[in-house]
Amino acid sequence: MNKQTLYPFTEHALVFLLGAGVFLSKPLIYVSTGLLTLYFLTRLATDTQYRQEAFANKLIIVALAIYIFGIVAGLIMQISTDDLALIARKSLYLVIFAPLLLAFRCATSRGFALAGALGGFWIAALLTLISIPNADSTRIAGATWLVDVWGVLCGFLVVFLTPFIFDQRWSKQWRLFFAVTALLAFVLLILSGARGPWLGAAAALFVYLLLFQWKTLGLLTLVAALAYFPAKHLFPTQINHITDRAMSVTQTQAVGSNWIRLTLWQLSIEHTKEKAREAPGVLLLGSGSDAHFPDFSEFTERTSMISNEDKERLASYGYPSNDIHNMYLDSIAKHGLIWTLANILFFISVAFVAWRYRTPPNQTPLAAPAVILYFLITGITYTLLPHFATTFMVFFALLACTSNKPTRKNHA
């Protein structure tokens, strides 16, 4: 098999593997991202035209620079070997950004990636639906992921597929399939009870529909209003549970998970302010995950910003832990302000590039800013950076972002 055949075959196989792994398997994600990294490095070393194409792209340069900076910052701050390995592994989305962006300029590669993702979702969804009768919880986890990650994933798919439904370039049959898939993902998202993804998906979809499909937004609002009372009459227990779960977001004191999050955020903000005064280097470059937990626990013990009663209540829930339940505060604490801001600005830049690709009949590129907005809002209550969710976001955003690019031949 020569290079002209090997490179396209490898790209198609790896993007399909990653797409399927997103919904089916954590080890499959590790394997596919590792192989994509190896493929990218090999292609850089052996293919002049590919190398020129990669380094001519500013987003690729920025992504690789952020990745290298994260490693260098860890070395400067002398974080533990385990922490260094964690940031190198969990931020691989910055490395595979390059081979995915270049691969998705080829329509065939996009097709393989989409087939892998949709096929993986339907397998995971059917396994989940089969397991529901035996579920012993009001929150339904995915058959392949724990409940919160499953909720995040379903939210990603709903937001990602919505612009596809309105893209006139797809046939009616495909648009119907996208709509059915998005509806199933929406149902599974609701059943997961994951309130952060509920909020993120609702906000991202509202912005997209308001800006580009406002008539559909009005129709959906009317249908939801008309369907609420019949649904509540037919399924009172389920509807009441969903309603109570949604309304619990506003109950900051009575609901323990809400109170925990708000308290942890307050503590983290004060801890960050203290670092700004006493250890600006740690604030800028991060302390690493292993060093952060004992430092944050010690700060919680000695601070007077919360009462002893609140400290005891926090301890009764098993907190503080090594998770602040906020992507921004958690990432700043562990990986530094510079790395965190660089990532966020990079994601926004990708959304802006995709926004420029949109045309009236071509709605698909709008899925990229939509999933990025979803990610940024969900990150207010979930720790997603660095995390598998960031890999999910990069995969979906690039798959949408490059859908309006001219087809690229796979050069040998």
Protein backbone atom coordinates (compact mmCIF):
# COMPACT_ATOMS: atom_id res chain seq x y z
CA MET A 1 0.00 0.00 0.00
CA ASN A 2 1.60 3.29 -1.09
CA LYS A 3 1.33 6.63 0.65
CA GLN A 4 -1.44 7.89 -1.62
CA THR A 5 -3.61 5.02 -0.40
CA LEU A 6 -2.28 4.63 3.15
CA TYR A 7 -2.76 8.21 4.35
CA PRO A 8 -6.46 8.55 3.38
CA PHE A 9 -7.22 5.06 4.73
CA THR A 10 -5.51 5.90 8.04
CA GLU A 11 -7.33 9.23 8.38
CA HIS A 12 -10.72 7.67 7.67
CA ALA A 13 -10.13 4.82 10.13
CA LEU A 14 -8.89 7.08 12.94
CA VAL A 15 -11.68 9.68 12.72
CA PHE A 16 -14.26 6.88 12.59
CA LEU A 17 -12.63 5.26 15.63
CA LEU A 18 -12.66 8.54 17.56
CA GLY A 19 -16.27 9.28 16.58
CA ALA A 20 -17.41 5.88 17.80
CA GLY A 21 -15.26 6.11 20.92
CA VAL A 22 -16.87 9.39 21.97
CA PHE A 23 -20.08 7.52 22.82
CA LEU A 24 -18.87 3.98 23.39
CA SER A 25 -15.55 3.73 25.18
CA LYS A 26 -13.00 5.70 27.17
CA PRO A 27 -10.16 3.31 26.17
CA LEU A 28 -11.18 3.75 22.52
CA ILE A 29 -10.78 7.51 22.93
CA TYR A 30 -7.30 7.02 24.40
CA VAL A 31 -6.32 4.70 21.55
CA SER A 32 -7.71 6.92 18.79
CA THR A 33 -6.26 10.17 20.17
CA GLY A 34 -2.89 8.51 20.70
CA LEU A 35 -2.90 7.11 17.16
CA LEU A 36 -4.01 10.46 15.75
CA THR A 37 -1.08 12.12 17.51
CA LEU A 38 1.31 9.49 16.13
CA TYR A 39 -0.22 9.86 12.66
CA PHE A 40 0.16 13.64 12.80
CA LEU A 41 3.81 13.48 13.85
CA THR A 42 4.59 10.85 11.23
CA ARG A 43 2.87 12.84 8.51
CA LEU A 44 4.75 15.99 9.53
CA ALA A 45 8.05 14.13 9.25
CA THR A 46 7.37 12.43 5.92
CA ASP A 47 5.00 14.68 3.96
CA THR A 48 6.28 18.10 2.95
CA GLN A 49 2.98 19.36 1.58
CA TYR A 50 1.09 18.22 4.70
CA ARG A 51 3.69 19.92 6.90
CA GLN A 52 3.38 23.17 4.97
CA GLU A 53 -0.41 22.99 5.15
CA ALA A 54 -0.32 22.39 8.90
CA PHE A 55 2.07 25.18 9.77
CA ALA A 56 0.32 27.64 7.48
CA ASN A 57 -2.78 27.41 9.66
CA LYS A 58 -2.73 29.88 12.55
CA LEU A 59 -5.21 27.93 14.67
CA ILE A 60 -3.01 24.83 14.49
CA ILE A 61 0.04 26.85 15.54
CA VAL A 62 -1.86 28.34 18.48
CA ALA A 63 -3.20 24.97 19.60
CA LEU A 64 0.26 23.38 19.59
CA ALA A 65 1.73 26.42 21.37
CA ILE A 66 -0.86 26.18 24.16
CA TYR A 67 -0.15 22.46 24.54
CA ILE A 68 3.60 23.01 24.82
CA PHE A 69 3.09 25.91 27.22
CA GLY A 70 1.02 23.68 29.51
CA ILE A 71 3.87 21.17 29.72
CA VAL A 72 6.55 23.83 30.19
CA ALA A 73 4.51 25.60 32.90
CA GLY A 74 4.23 22.30 34.76
CA LEU A 75 7.98 21.80 34.59
CA ILE A 76 8.63 25.35 35.80
CA MET A 77 6.27 24.87 38.75
CA GLN A 78 7.77 21.43 39.43
CA ILE A 79 4.41 19.69 39.58
CA SER A 80 4.37 15.97 40.26
CA THR A 81 5.13 13.42 37.56
CA ASP A 82 1.54 12.19 37.73
CA ASP A 83 0.25 15.74 37.24
CA LEU A 84 2.58 16.30 34.32
CA ALA A 85 1.36 13.08 32.71
CA LEU A 86 -2.24 14.12 33.38
CA ILE A 87 -1.95 17.51 31.68
CA ALA A 88 -0.05 15.95 28.77
CA ARG A 89 -2.76 13.29 28.33
CA LYS A 90 -5.90 15.29 29.08
CA SER A 91 -4.89 18.22 26.86
CA LEU A 92 -4.20 16.04 23.81
CA TYR A 93 -7.24 17.69 22.26
CA LEU A 94 -4.83 20.54 21.45
CA VAL A 95 -2.58 18.16 19.52
CA ILE A 96 -5.27 16.21 17.67
CA PHE A 97 -6.87 19.53 16.72
CA ALA A 98 -4.37 19.67 13.83
CA PRO A 99 -4.92 16.22 12.25
CA LEU A 100 -8.69 16.54 12.75
CA LEU A 101 -8.84 19.97 11.14
CA LEU A 102 -6.81 18.79 8.16
CA ALA A 103 -8.67 15.48 7.87
CA PHE A 104 -12.11 17.11 8.00
CA ARG A 105 -11.32 19.23 4.96
CA CYS A 106 -11.92 15.99 3.08
CA ALA A 107 -15.64 15.22 2.66
CA THR A 108 -15.02 11.48 2.93
CA SER A 109 -13.23 11.87 6.27
CA ARG A 110 -16.14 13.96 7.55
CA GLY A 111 -18.50 11.21 6.48
CA PHE A 112 -16.53 8.56 8.36
CA ALA A 113 -16.34 10.72 11.49
CA LEU A 114 -20.07 11.48 11.41
CA ALA A 115 -20.89 7.82 10.80
CA GLY A 116 -18.72 6.78 13.75
CA ALA A 117 -20.32 9.33 16.09
CA LEU A 118 -23.93 8.65 15.07
CA GLY A 119 -23.41 4.89 15.00
CA GLY A 120 -21.75 4.99 18.41
CA PHE A 121 -24.58 7.08 19.83
CA TRP A 122 -27.31 4.76 18.57
CA ILE A 123 -25.55 1.71 20.01
CA ALA A 124 -25.07 3.45 23.37
CA ALA A 125 -28.63 4.83 23.31
CA LEU A 126 -30.23 1.46 22.58
CA LEU A 127 -28.20 -0.20 25.34
CA THR A 128 -29.30 2.60 27.67
CA LEU A 129 -32.98 2.25 26.75
CA ILE A 130 -32.80 -1.51 27.32
CA SER A 131 -31.35 -0.95 30.79
CA ILE A 132 -33.96 1.60 31.92
CA PRO A 133 -36.50 -0.94 33.30
CA ASN A 134 -33.80 -2.23 35.66
CA ALA A 135 -32.57 1.22 36.72
CA ASP A 136 -32.69 1.84 40.47
CA SER A 137 -32.30 5.62 40.22
CA THR A 138 -34.39 8.54 39.01
CA ARG A 139 -31.34 9.69 37.04
CA ILE A 140 -30.65 7.43 34.07
CA ALA A 141 -26.96 6.95 33.27
CA GLY A 142 -25.77 5.90 29.86
CA ALA A 143 -24.89 2.27 29.30
CA THR A 144 -21.37 3.36 28.35
CA TRP A 145 -20.74 6.43 30.56
CA LEU A 146 -21.51 7.60 34.08
CA VAL A 147 -24.58 9.78 34.41
CA ASP A 148 -22.99 13.25 34.31
CA VAL A 149 -20.65 12.53 31.41
CA TRP A 150 -23.56 10.87 29.59
CA GLY A 151 -25.63 14.00 30.13
CA VAL A 152 -22.83 16.20 28.79
CA LEU A 153 -22.50 13.96 25.72
CA CYS A 154 -26.23 13.94 24.95
CA GLY A 155 -26.26 17.72 25.26
CA PHE A 156 -23.37 17.97 22.81
CA LEU A 157 -25.20 15.83 20.25
CA VAL A 158 -28.49 17.74 20.54
CA VAL A 159 -26.74 21.08 20.02
CA PHE A 160 -24.46 19.73 17.27
CA LEU A 161 -27.25 18.17 15.20
CA THR A 162 -29.77 21.01 15.39
CA PRO A 163 -28.16 23.14 12.62
CA PHE A 164 -27.86 19.98 10.48
CA ILE A 165 -31.66 19.65 10.62
CA PHE A 166 -32.04 23.07 8.96
CA ASP A 167 -29.21 22.66 6.44
CA GLN A 168 -30.84 22.57 3.00
CA ARG A 169 -27.88 20.78 1.43
CA TRP A 170 -28.87 17.54 3.18
CA SER A 171 -31.68 15.44 1.73
CA LYS A 172 -35.05 15.28 3.51
CA GLN A 173 -34.28 11.72 4.60
CA TRP A 174 -31.00 12.72 6.24
CA ARG A 175 -32.55 15.75 7.90
CA LEU A 176 -35.30 13.54 9.30
CA PHE A 177 -32.67 11.12 10.60
CA PHE A 178 -30.80 13.99 12.24
CA ALA A 179 -34.05 15.20 13.83
CA VAL A 180 -34.92 11.75 15.20
CA THR A 181 -31.39 11.31 16.55
CA ALA A 182 -31.41 14.75 18.16
CA LEU A 183 -34.82 14.04 19.72
CA LEU A 184 -33.59 10.77 21.21
CA ALA A 185 -30.48 12.51 22.54
CA PHE A 186 -32.72 15.22 24.03
CA VAL A 187 -34.88 12.62 25.79
CA LEU A 188 -31.81 10.86 27.18
CA LEU A 189 -30.39 14.22 28.28
CA ILE A 190 -33.58 14.93 30.23
CA LEU A 191 -33.57 11.43 31.74
CA SER A 192 -29.95 11.90 32.88
CA GLY A 193 -31.05 14.70 35.20
CA ALA A 194 -27.80 16.54 34.42
CA ARG A 195 -28.79 20.14 35.17
CA GLY A 196 -25.56 21.76 33.93
CA PRO A 197 -25.95 20.24 30.46
CA TRP A 198 -29.68 21.12 30.55
CA LEU A 199 -28.76 24.75 31.09
CA GLY A 200 -25.95 24.75 28.53
CA ALA A 201 -28.04 23.06 25.84
CA ALA A 202 -31.04 25.31 26.47
CA ALA A 203 -28.91 28.46 26.20
CA ALA A 204 -27.00 27.34 23.08
CA LEU A 205 -30.16 26.20 21.28
CA PHE A 206 -32.04 29.35 22.26
CA VAL A 207 -29.30 31.58 20.84
CA TYR A 208 -29.07 29.58 17.60
CA LEU A 209 -32.84 29.40 17.07
CA LEU A 210 -33.38 33.04 18.01
CA LEU A 211 -30.76 34.24 15.54
CA PHE A 212 -31.40 31.89 12.64
CA GLN A 213 -34.65 29.96 13.16
CA TRP A 214 -36.87 32.28 15.20
CA LYS A 215 -40.08 30.94 13.66
CA THR A 216 -39.12 27.43 14.72
CA LEU A 217 -38.32 28.74 18.21
CA GLY A 218 -41.82 30.20 18.47
CA LEU A 219 -43.39 26.98 17.22
CA LEU A 220 -41.41 24.81 19.64
CA THR A 221 -42.33 27.10 22.53
CA LEU A 222 -46.01 26.82 21.63
CA VAL A 223 -45.84 23.03 21.25
CA ALA A 224 -44.06 22.65 24.60
CA ALA A 225 -46.65 24.83 26.34
CA LEU A 226 -49.56 22.91 24.82
CA ALA A 227 -47.99 19.51 25.54
CA TYR A 228 -47.08 20.20 29.16
CA PHE A 229 -50.44 19.65 30.83
CA PRO A 230 -51.43 16.54 28.81
CA ALA A 231 -47.98 15.09 29.53
CA LYS A 232 -48.33 15.90 33.22
CA HIS A 233 -51.73 14.18 33.27
CA LEU A 234 -50.41 11.04 31.54
CA PHE A 235 -47.02 10.86 33.28
CA PRO A 236 -47.42 12.82 36.53
CA THR A 237 -44.53 11.21 38.43
CA GLN A 238 -41.99 11.62 35.63
CA ILE A 239 -43.02 15.17 34.71
CA ASN A 240 -43.05 16.27 38.37
CA HIS A 241 -39.57 14.82 38.85
CA ILE A 242 -38.21 16.62 35.78
CA THR A 243 -39.91 19.89 36.81
CA ASP A 244 -38.62 19.65 40.37
CA ARG A 245 -35.14 18.85 39.10
CA ALA A 246 -35.18 21.89 36.83
CA MET A 247 -36.59 24.22 39.50
CA SER A 248 -34.02 23.01 42.02
CA VAL A 249 -31.40 25.09 40.18
CA THR A 250 -32.81 28.18 41.91
CA GLN A 251 -32.75 26.63 45.39
CA THR A 252 -29.33 27.67 46.58
CA GLN A 253 -29.67 26.72 50.24
CA ALA A 254 -32.15 23.84 50.48
CA VAL A 255 -30.55 21.75 47.71
CA GLY A 256 -27.23 20.43 48.96
CA SER A 257 -25.48 20.20 45.57
CA ASN A 258 -26.31 23.86 44.83
CA TRP A 259 -25.10 25.02 48.22
CA ILE A 260 -21.90 23.00 47.85
CA ARG A 261 -21.13 24.54 44.47
CA LEU A 262 -21.75 28.11 45.59
CA THR A 263 -19.68 27.61 48.74
CA LEU A 264 -16.80 26.01 46.83
CA TRP A 265 -16.87 28.86 44.30
CA GLN A 266 -16.72 31.47 47.07
CA LEU A 267 -13.82 29.67 48.70
CA SER A 268 -11.99 29.25 45.40
CA ILE A 269 -12.37 32.92 44.49
CA GLU A 270 -10.95 33.97 47.86
CA HIS A 271 -8.17 31.41 47.51
CA THR A 272 -7.35 32.85 44.07
CA LYS A 273 -7.24 36.37 45.50
CA GLU A 274 -4.83 35.18 48.17
CA LYS A 275 -2.58 33.64 45.49
CA ALA A 276 -2.64 36.93 43.57
CA ARG A 277 -1.29 38.68 46.68
CA GLU A 278 1.13 36.08 48.00
CA ALA A 279 2.02 33.71 45.13
CA PRO A 280 1.37 35.33 41.74
CA GLY A 281 3.53 32.74 39.99
CA VAL A 282 1.25 29.94 41.21
CA LEU A 283 -1.78 31.90 40.07
CA LEU A 284 -0.34 32.45 36.59
CA LEU A 285 1.14 28.98 35.99
CA GLY A 286 -0.88 26.74 38.32
CA SER A 287 0.03 24.41 41.16
CA GLY A 288 -0.99 21.09 39.60
CA SER A 289 -3.81 18.89 40.77
CA ASP A 290 -1.90 17.01 43.48
CA ALA A 291 -0.63 20.18 45.18
CA HIS A 292 -3.93 22.05 44.84
CA PHE A 293 -6.05 19.76 47.00
CA PRO A 294 -4.06 19.98 50.28
CA ASP A 295 -3.52 23.71 49.72
CA PHE A 296 -7.22 24.34 49.15
CA SER A 297 -8.18 22.16 52.13
CA GLU A 298 -5.78 24.06 54.37
CA PHE A 299 -7.18 27.38 53.15
CA THR A 300 -10.72 26.19 53.85
CA GLU A 301 -9.76 25.25 57.41
CA ARG A 302 -8.19 28.60 58.30
CA THR A 303 -10.37 31.06 56.39
CA SER A 304 -12.96 33.12 58.22
CA MET A 305 -15.04 33.86 55.13
CA ILE A 306 -17.45 31.03 55.99
CA SER A 307 -18.64 30.07 59.45
CA ASN A 308 -17.57 26.97 61.34
CA GLU A 309 -21.11 25.66 60.89
CA ASP A 310 -20.75 25.95 57.13
CA LYS A 311 -17.37 24.24 57.28
CA GLU A 312 -18.94 21.37 59.19
CA ARG A 313 -21.81 21.19 56.71
CA LEU A 314 -19.32 21.16 53.84
CA ALA A 315 -17.37 18.35 55.52
CA SER A 316 -20.56 16.34 56.04
CA TYR A 317 -20.97 16.23 52.25
CA GLY A 318 -17.36 15.08 51.83
CA TYR A 319 -15.98 18.44 50.70
CA PRO A 320 -13.72 20.19 49.93
CA SER A 321 -12.47 17.73 47.34
CA ASN A 322 -10.17 18.07 44.38
CA ASP A 323 -13.11 19.23 42.24
CA ILE A 324 -14.39 22.81 42.53
CA HIS A 325 -17.36 22.08 40.23
CA ASN A 326 -16.48 25.02 38.02
CA MET A 327 -14.33 24.65 34.91
CA TYR A 328 -12.86 28.14 35.11
CA LEU A 329 -11.94 28.22 38.79
CA ASP A 330 -10.70 24.63 38.77
CA SER A 331 -8.50 25.13 35.72
CA ILE A 332 -7.04 28.41 36.99
CA ALA A 333 -6.19 26.78 40.33
CA LYS A 334 -4.55 23.68 38.87
CA HIS A 335 -3.18 24.82 35.50
CA GLY A 336 -2.85 28.56 35.87
CA LEU A 337 -4.56 31.70 34.65
CA ILE A 338 -2.46 31.99 31.46
CA TRP A 339 -3.17 28.44 30.21
CA THR A 340 -6.86 28.70 31.08
CA LEU A 341 -7.39 32.04 29.31
CA ALA A 342 -5.38 30.82 26.31
CA ASN A 343 -7.70 27.82 25.95
CA ILE A 344 -10.88 29.87 26.25
CA LEU A 345 -9.71 32.48 23.73
CA PHE A 346 -8.66 29.67 21.40
CA PHE A 347 -12.13 28.07 21.58
CA ILE A 348 -13.75 31.44 20.88
CA SER A 349 -11.45 31.90 17.87
CA VAL A 350 -12.57 28.54 16.46
CA ALA A 351 -16.21 29.60 16.93
CA PHE A 352 -15.51 32.88 15.12
CA VAL A 353 -13.86 31.12 12.18
CA ALA A 354 -16.83 28.73 11.86
CA TRP A 355 -19.25 31.67 12.07
CA ARG A 356 -17.61 33.18 9.00
CA TYR A 357 -18.24 29.98 7.03
CA ARG A 358 -22.01 30.18 7.36
CA THR A 359 -24.26 30.89 4.37
CA PRO A 360 -28.09 30.95 4.29
CA PRO A 361 -28.53 27.38 2.97
CA ASN A 362 -25.48 26.06 4.83
CA GLN A 363 -26.36 25.96 8.52
CA THR A 364 -23.91 23.23 9.51
CA PRO A 365 -20.93 25.49 10.38
CA LEU A 366 -23.12 27.17 13.01
CA ALA A 367 -22.99 23.93 14.98
CA ALA A 368 -19.39 24.81 15.88
CA PRO A 369 -20.09 28.06 17.80
CA ALA A 370 -23.21 26.37 19.23
CA VAL A 371 -21.30 23.44 20.76
CA ILE A 372 -18.55 25.79 21.99
CA LEU A 373 -21.16 27.99 23.67
CA TYR A 374 -22.72 24.88 25.18
CA PHE A 375 -19.31 23.80 26.50
CA LEU A 376 -18.54 27.21 28.01
CA ILE A 377 -21.92 27.46 29.77
CA THR A 378 -21.92 23.87 31.03
CA GLY A 379 -18.45 24.53 32.41
CA ILE A 380 -19.93 26.97 34.92
CA THR A 381 -21.18 24.04 36.99
CA TYR A 382 -19.03 21.15 35.69
CA THR A 383 -15.25 20.73 35.64
CA LEU A 384 -14.57 20.19 31.93
CA LEU A 385 -11.06 21.56 31.32
CA PRO A 386 -9.02 19.53 30.73
CA HIS A 387 -11.42 16.61 30.43
CA PHE A 388 -12.84 14.18 27.89
CA ALA A 389 -15.57 16.77 27.34
CA THR A 390 -13.01 19.10 25.79
CA THR A 391 -12.07 16.37 23.32
CA PHE A 392 -15.78 15.90 22.56
CA MET A 393 -16.14 19.63 21.94
CA VAL A 394 -13.11 19.84 19.64
CA PHE A 395 -14.31 16.82 17.65
CA PHE A 396 -17.85 18.17 17.15
CA ALA A 397 -16.76 21.77 16.54
CA LEU A 398 -14.21 20.85 13.88
CA LEU A 399 -16.58 18.41 12.20
CA ALA A 400 -19.06 21.28 11.84
CA CYS A 401 -16.51 24.05 11.25
CA THR A 402 -14.91 22.46 8.19
CA SER A 403 -18.14 21.31 6.57
CA ASN A 404 -18.15 24.31 4.23
CA LYS A 405 -14.50 24.05 3.27
CA PRO A 406 -13.53 22.92 -0.22
CA THR A 407 -12.73 19.22 -0.40
CA ARG A 408 -9.04 18.55 0.21
CA LYS A 409 -7.23 15.77 -1.55
CA ASN A 410 -5.10 13.58 0.68
CA HIS A 411 -1.64 14.31 -0.65
CA ALA A 412 1.07 11.72 -0.48
